[in-house]
Amino acid sequence: MSPRVGRVAFNLALFFARVSGILIPLLDESSPSFYVNILALTVSIAFLVVVVLEVRRQARIPPVK
């Protein structure tokens, strides 16, 4: 993964996680949008973890000459 792709993926995941996290207290718990928001938060945090682990893994791999 190139550094640009990693940065864009990280920023997108962080943006979606922040927006979902901010909206949780504002939504009614009995509405379907609350559960969609919880799902979006879970998926964005999982994606963020995958991106961070992938970038850290590639940072340890020595470059091929």
PDB file of N, CA and C in Angstrom:
ATOM      1  N   MET A   1       0.852  -1.166   0.000  1.00  0.00           N
ATOM      2  CA  MET A   1       0.000   0.000   0.000  1.00  0.00           C
ATOM      3  C   MET A   1       0.899   1.230   0.000  1.00  0.00           C
ATOM      4  N   SER A   2       0.637   2.133  -0.920  1.00  0.00           N
ATOM      5  CA  SER A   2       1.439   3.348  -0.970  1.00  0.00           C
ATOM      6  C   SER A   2       1.059   4.257   0.204  1.00  0.00           C
ATOM      7  N   PRO A   3       1.955   5.150   0.574  1.00  0.00           N
ATOM      8  CA  PRO A   3       1.653   6.045   1.703  1.00  0.00           C
ATOM      9  C   PRO A   3       0.409   6.904   1.480  1.00  0.00           C
ATOM     10  N   ARG A   4       0.186   7.322   0.238  1.00  0.00           N
ATOM     11  CA  ARG A   4      -1.006   8.136  -0.038  1.00  0.00           C
ATOM     12  C   ARG A   4      -2.292   7.345   0.181  1.00  0.00           C
ATOM     13  N   VAL A   5      -2.297   6.120  -0.303  1.00  0.00           N
ATOM     14  CA  VAL A   5      -3.488   5.281  -0.136  1.00  0.00           C
ATOM     15  C   VAL A   5      -3.729   5.004   1.343  1.00  0.00           C
ATOM     16  N   GLY A   6      -2.674   4.733   2.081  1.00  0.00           N
ATOM     17  CA  GLY A   6      -2.806   4.501   3.512  1.00  0.00           C
ATOM     18  C   GLY A   6      -3.340   5.709   4.247  1.00  0.00           C
ATOM     19  N   ARG A   7      -2.860   6.878   3.875  1.00  0.00           N
ATOM     20  CA  ARG A   7      -3.323   8.106   4.527  1.00  0.00           C
ATOM     21  C   ARG A   7      -4.783   8.391   4.202  1.00  0.00           C
ATOM     22  N   VAL A   8      -5.164   8.212   2.943  1.00  0.00           N
ATOM     23  CA  VAL A   8      -6.558   8.444   2.555  1.00  0.00           C
ATOM     24  C   VAL A   8      -7.482   7.451   3.254  1.00  0.00           C
ATOM     25  N   ALA A   9      -7.093   6.188   3.288  1.00  0.00           N
ATOM     26  CA  ALA A   9      -7.912   5.171   3.955  1.00  0.00           C
ATOM     27  C   ALA A   9      -8.039   5.474   5.446  1.00  0.00           C
ATOM     28  N   PHE A  10      -6.944   5.876   6.075  1.00  0.00           N
ATOM     29  CA  PHE A  10      -6.968   6.212   7.498  1.00  0.00           C
ATOM     30  C   PHE A  10      -7.885   7.402   7.758  1.00  0.00           C
ATOM     31  N   ASN A  11      -7.761   8.446   6.939  1.00  0.00           N
ATOM     32  CA  ASN A  11      -8.592   9.635   7.132  1.00  0.00           C
ATOM     33  C   ASN A  11     -10.074   9.346   6.904  1.00  0.00           C
ATOM     34  N   LEU A  12     -10.390   8.534   5.898  1.00  0.00           N
ATOM     35  CA  LEU A  12     -11.792   8.185   5.660  1.00  0.00           C
ATOM     36  C   LEU A  12     -12.371   7.385   6.824  1.00  0.00           C
ATOM     37  N   ALA A  13     -11.633   6.401   7.288  1.00  0.00           N
ATOM     38  CA  ALA A  13     -12.115   5.588   8.405  1.00  0.00           C
ATOM     39  C   ALA A  13     -12.279   6.433   9.661  1.00  0.00           C
ATOM     40  N   LEU A  14     -11.336   7.324   9.905  1.00  0.00           N
ATOM     41  CA  LEU A  14     -11.429   8.192  11.076  1.00  0.00           C
ATOM     42  C   LEU A  14     -12.613   9.145  10.967  1.00  0.00           C
ATOM     43  N   PHE A  15     -12.847   9.674   9.775  1.00  0.00           N
ATOM     44  CA  PHE A  15     -13.981  10.574   9.566  1.00  0.00           C
ATOM     45  C   PHE A  15     -15.302   9.864   9.848  1.00  0.00           C
ATOM     46  N   PHE A  16     -15.484   8.677   9.266  1.00  0.00           N
ATOM     47  CA  PHE A  16     -16.733   7.945   9.467  1.00  0.00           C
ATOM     48  C   PHE A  16     -16.906   7.526  10.923  1.00  0.00           C
ATOM     49  N   ALA A  17     -15.828   7.153  11.582  1.00  0.00           N
ATOM     50  CA  ALA A  17     -15.921   6.774  12.994  1.00  0.00           C
ATOM     51  C   ALA A  17     -16.300   7.980  13.854  1.00  0.00           C
ATOM     52  N   ARG A  18     -15.710   9.127  13.566  1.00  0.00           N
ATOM     53  CA  ARG A  18     -16.044  10.339  14.335  1.00  0.00           C
ATOM     54  C   ARG A  18     -17.501  10.731  14.150  1.00  0.00           C
ATOM     55  N   VAL A  19     -17.953  10.768  12.898  1.00  0.00           N
ATOM     56  CA  VAL A  19     -19.334  11.175  12.631  1.00  0.00           C
ATOM     57  C   VAL A  19     -20.308  10.200  13.290  1.00  0.00           C
ATOM     58  N   SER A  20     -20.041   8.918  13.178  1.00  0.00           N
ATOM     59  CA  SER A  20     -20.920   7.927  13.812  1.00  0.00           C
ATOM     60  C   SER A  20     -20.895   8.061  15.328  1.00  0.00           C
ATOM     61  N   GLY A  21     -19.723   8.305  15.888  1.00  0.00           N
ATOM     62  CA  GLY A  21     -19.612   8.469  17.332  1.00  0.00           C
ATOM     63  C   GLY A  21     -20.328   9.704  17.844  1.00  0.00           C
ATOM     64  N   ILE A  22     -20.278  10.773  17.072  1.00  0.00           N
ATOM     65  CA  ILE A  22     -20.958  12.009  17.473  1.00  0.00           C
ATOM     66  C   ILE A  22     -22.471  11.843  17.409  1.00  0.00           C
ATOM     67  N   LEU A  23     -22.951  11.088  16.432  1.00  0.00           N
ATOM     68  CA  LEU A  23     -24.396  10.957  16.241  1.00  0.00           C
ATOM     69  C   LEU A  23     -25.071  10.002  17.219  1.00  0.00           C
ATOM     70  N   ILE A  24     -24.336   9.104  17.824  1.00  0.00           N
ATOM     71  CA  ILE A  24     -24.961   8.094  18.699  1.00  0.00           C
ATOM     72  C   ILE A  24     -25.797   8.719  19.823  1.00  0.00           C
ATOM     73  N   PRO A  25     -25.293   9.699  20.572  1.00  0.00           N
ATOM     74  CA  PRO A  25     -26.137  10.252  21.648  1.00  0.00           C
ATOM     75  C   PRO A  25     -27.335  11.054  21.135  1.00  0.00           C
ATOM     76  N   LEU A  26     -27.303  11.463  19.881  1.00  0.00           N
ATOM     77  CA  LEU A  26     -28.377  12.294  19.347  1.00  0.00           C
ATOM     78  C   LEU A  26     -29.531  11.493  18.762  1.00  0.00           C
ATOM     79  N   LEU A  27     -29.335  10.212  18.535  1.00  0.00           N
ATOM     80  CA  LEU A  27     -30.365   9.386  17.906  1.00  0.00           C
ATOM     81  C   LEU A  27     -31.216   8.671  18.949  1.00  0.00           C
ATOM     82  N   ASP A  28     -32.465   8.447  18.585  1.00  0.00           N
ATOM     83  CA  ASP A  28     -33.386   7.693  19.434  1.00  0.00           C
ATOM     84  C   ASP A  28     -33.035   6.211  19.348  1.00  0.00           C
ATOM     85  N   GLU A  29     -32.925   5.561  20.497  1.00  0.00           N
ATOM     86  CA  GLU A  29     -32.496   4.159  20.530  1.00  0.00           C
ATOM     87  C   GLU A  29     -33.498   3.206  19.893  1.00  0.00           C
ATOM     88  N   SER A  30     -34.733   3.613  19.738  1.00  0.00           N
ATOM     89  CA  SER A  30     -35.732   2.724  19.142  1.00  0.00           C
ATOM     90  C   SER A  30     -35.846   2.902  17.630  1.00  0.00           C
ATOM     91  N   SER A  31     -35.113   3.845  17.073  1.00  0.00           N
ATOM     92  CA  SER A  31     -35.208   4.078  15.629  1.00  0.00           C
ATOM     93  C   SER A  31     -34.229   3.185  14.869  1.00  0.00           C
ATOM     94  N   PRO A  32     -34.577   2.830  13.640  1.00  0.00           N
ATOM     95  CA  PRO A  32     -33.672   2.009  12.830  1.00  0.00           C
ATOM     96  C   PRO A  32     -32.353   2.720  12.515  1.00  0.00           C
ATOM     97  N   SER A  33     -32.376   4.029  12.443  1.00  0.00           N
ATOM     98  CA  SER A  33     -31.144   4.761  12.127  1.00  0.00           C
ATOM     99  C   SER A  33     -30.102   4.614  13.233  1.00  0.00           C
ATOM    100  N   PHE A  34     -30.546   4.378  14.455  1.00  0.00           N
ATOM    101  CA  PHE A  34     -29.607   4.153  15.552  1.00  0.00           C
ATOM    102  C   PHE A  34     -28.794   2.884  15.305  1.00  0.00           C
ATOM    103  N   TYR A  35     -29.472   1.820  14.869  1.00  0.00           N
ATOM    104  CA  TYR A  35     -28.783   0.554  14.629  1.00  0.00           C
ATOM    105  C   TYR A  35     -27.900   0.619  13.386  1.00  0.00           C
ATOM    106  N   VAL A  36     -28.338   1.364  12.392  1.00  0.00           N
ATOM    107  CA  VAL A  36     -27.497   1.575  11.209  1.00  0.00           C
ATOM    108  C   VAL A  36     -26.250   2.351  11.601  1.00  0.00           C
ATOM    109  N   ASN A  37     -26.403   3.315  12.488  1.00  0.00           N
ATOM    110  CA  ASN A  37     -25.265   4.099  12.950  1.00  0.00           C
ATOM    111  C   ASN A  37     -24.291   3.241  13.757  1.00  0.00           C
ATOM    112  N   ILE A  38     -24.798   2.363  14.589  1.00  0.00           N
ATOM    113  CA  ILE A  38     -23.938   1.439  15.345  1.00  0.00           C
ATOM    114  C   ILE A  38     -23.173   0.534  14.384  1.00  0.00           C
ATOM    115  N   LEU A  39     -23.857   0.046  13.355  1.00  0.00           N
ATOM    116  CA  LEU A  39     -23.202  -0.792  12.346  1.00  0.00           C
ATOM    117  C   LEU A  39     -22.121  -0.005  11.611  1.00  0.00           C
ATOM    118  N   ALA A  40     -22.413   1.234  11.243  1.00  0.00           N
ATOM    119  CA  ALA A  40     -21.423   2.071  10.561  1.00  0.00           C
ATOM    120  C   ALA A  40     -20.218   2.337  11.456  1.00  0.00           C
ATOM    121  N   LEU A  41     -20.447   2.564  12.729  1.00  0.00           N
ATOM    122  CA  LEU A  41     -19.346   2.781  13.666  1.00  0.00           C
ATOM    123  C   LEU A  41     -18.488   1.526  13.794  1.00  0.00           C
ATOM    124  N   THR A  42     -19.123   0.375  13.887  1.00  0.00           N
ATOM    125  CA  THR A  42     -18.387  -0.886  14.005  1.00  0.00           C
ATOM    126  C   THR A  42     -17.550  -1.160  12.762  1.00  0.00           C
ATOM    127  N   VAL A  43     -18.138  -0.974  11.596  1.00  0.00           N
ATOM    128  CA  VAL A  43     -17.419  -1.225  10.344  1.00  0.00           C
ATOM    129  C   VAL A  43     -16.274  -0.241  10.172  1.00  0.00           C
ATOM    130  N   SER A  44     -16.490   1.019  10.496  1.00  0.00           N
ATOM    131  CA  SER A  44     -15.423   2.008  10.320  1.00  0.00           C
ATOM    132  C   SER A  44     -14.279   1.778  11.307  1.00  0.00           C
ATOM    133  N   ILE A  45     -14.576   1.360  12.523  1.00  0.00           N
ATOM    134  CA  ILE A  45     -13.505   1.055  13.478  1.00  0.00           C
ATOM    135  C   ILE A  45     -12.742  -0.188  13.038  1.00  0.00           C
ATOM    136  N   ALA A  46     -13.454  -1.193  12.535  1.00  0.00           N
ATOM    137  CA  ALA A  46     -12.775  -2.392  12.029  1.00  0.00           C
ATOM    138  C   ALA A  46     -11.883  -2.047  10.839  1.00  0.00           C
ATOM    139  N   PHE A  47     -12.370  -1.207   9.940  1.00  0.00           N
ATOM    140  CA  PHE A  47     -11.575  -0.777   8.792  1.00  0.00           C
ATOM    141  C   PHE A  47     -10.361   0.018   9.251  1.00  0.00           C
ATOM    142  N   LEU A  48     -10.531   0.853  10.252  1.00  0.00           N
ATOM    143  CA  LEU A  48      -9.418   1.632  10.795  1.00  0.00           C
ATOM    144  C   LEU A  48      -8.351   0.716  11.376  1.00  0.00           C
ATOM    145  N   VAL A  49      -8.759  -0.305  12.089  1.00  0.00           N
ATOM    146  CA  VAL A  49      -7.802  -1.263  12.658  1.00  0.00           C
ATOM    147  C   VAL A  49      -7.051  -1.994  11.550  1.00  0.00           C
ATOM    148  N   VAL A  50      -7.761  -2.409  10.510  1.00  0.00           N
ATOM    149  CA  VAL A  50      -7.116  -3.104   9.389  1.00  0.00           C
ATOM    150  C   VAL A  50      -6.103  -2.197   8.701  1.00  0.00           C
ATOM    151  N   VAL A  51      -6.457  -0.948   8.482  1.00  0.00           N
ATOM    152  CA  VAL A  51      -5.538  -0.008   7.826  1.00  0.00           C
ATOM    153  C   VAL A  51      -4.300   0.209   8.684  1.00  0.00           C
ATOM    154  N   VAL A  52      -4.475   0.414   9.970  1.00  0.00           N
ATOM    155  CA  VAL A  52      -3.332   0.646  10.858  1.00  0.00           C
ATOM    156  C   VAL A  52      -2.424  -0.574  10.894  1.00  0.00           C
ATOM    157  N   LEU A  53      -3.007  -1.760  11.003  1.00  0.00           N
ATOM    158  CA  LEU A  53      -2.186  -2.974  11.030  1.00  0.00           C
ATOM    159  C   LEU A  53      -1.451  -3.189   9.711  1.00  0.00           C
ATOM    160  N   GLU A  54      -2.111  -2.911   8.603  1.00  0.00           N
ATOM    161  CA  GLU A  54      -1.478  -3.086   7.293  1.00  0.00           C
ATOM    162  C   GLU A  54      -0.327  -2.096   7.097  1.00  0.00           C
ATOM    163  N   VAL A  55      -0.516  -0.860   7.498  1.00  0.00           N
ATOM    164  CA  VAL A  55       0.555   0.136   7.367  1.00  0.00           C
ATOM    165  C   VAL A  55       1.726  -0.227   8.272  1.00  0.00           C
ATOM    166  N   ARG A  56       1.441  -0.670   9.489  1.00  0.00           N
ATOM    167  CA  ARG A  56       2.525  -1.071  10.393  1.00  0.00           C
ATOM    168  C   ARG A  56       3.260  -2.299   9.873  1.00  0.00           C
ATOM    169  N   ARG A  57       2.519  -3.242   9.274  1.00  0.00           N
ATOM    170  CA  ARG A  57       3.149  -4.441   8.727  1.00  0.00           C
ATOM    171  C   ARG A  57       4.054  -4.080   7.557  1.00  0.00           C
ATOM    172  N   GLN A  58       3.604  -3.198   6.701  1.00  0.00           N
ATOM    173  CA  GLN A  58       4.416  -2.824   5.546  1.00  0.00           C
ATOM    174  C   GLN A  58       5.587  -1.938   5.940  1.00  0.00           C
ATOM    175  N   ALA A  59       5.492  -1.257   7.058  1.00  0.00           N
ATOM    176  CA  ALA A  59       6.616  -0.432   7.512  1.00  0.00           C
ATOM    177  C   ALA A  59       7.759  -1.309   7.999  1.00  0.00           C
ATOM    178  N   ARG A  60       7.453  -2.527   8.452  1.00  0.00           N
ATOM    179  CA  ARG A  60       8.489  -3.444   8.929  1.00  0.00           C
ATOM    180  C   ARG A  60       9.160  -4.216   7.802  1.00  0.00           C
ATOM    181  N   ILE A  61       8.491  -4.353   6.661  1.00  0.00           N
ATOM    182  CA  ILE A  61       9.051  -5.118   5.549  1.00  0.00           C
ATOM    183  C   ILE A  61      10.159  -4.296   4.896  1.00  0.00           C
ATOM    184  N   PRO A  62      11.370  -4.859   4.770  1.00  0.00           N
ATOM    185  CA  PRO A  62      12.443  -4.098   4.115  1.00  0.00           C
ATOM    186  C   PRO A  62      12.132  -3.916   2.629  1.00  0.00           C
ATOM    187  N   PRO A  63      12.460  -2.760   2.076  1.00  0.00           N
ATOM    188  CA  PRO A  63      12.163  -2.511   0.663  1.00  0.00           C
ATOM    189  C   PRO A  63      12.971  -3.429  -0.251  1.00  0.00           C
ATOM    190  N   VAL A  64      12.350  -3.848  -1.342  1.00  0.00           N
ATOM    191  CA  VAL A  64      13.001  -4.718  -2.323  1.00  0.00           C
ATOM    192  C   VAL A  64      13.813  -3.849  -3.269  1.00  0.00           C
ATOM    193  N   LYS A  65      15.079  -4.234  -3.470  1.00  0.00           N
ATOM    194  CA  LYS A  65      15.940  -3.432  -4.351  1.00  0.00           C
ATOM    195  C   LYS A  65      16.063  -4.041  -5.705  1.00  0.00           C
TER     196      LYS A  65
END
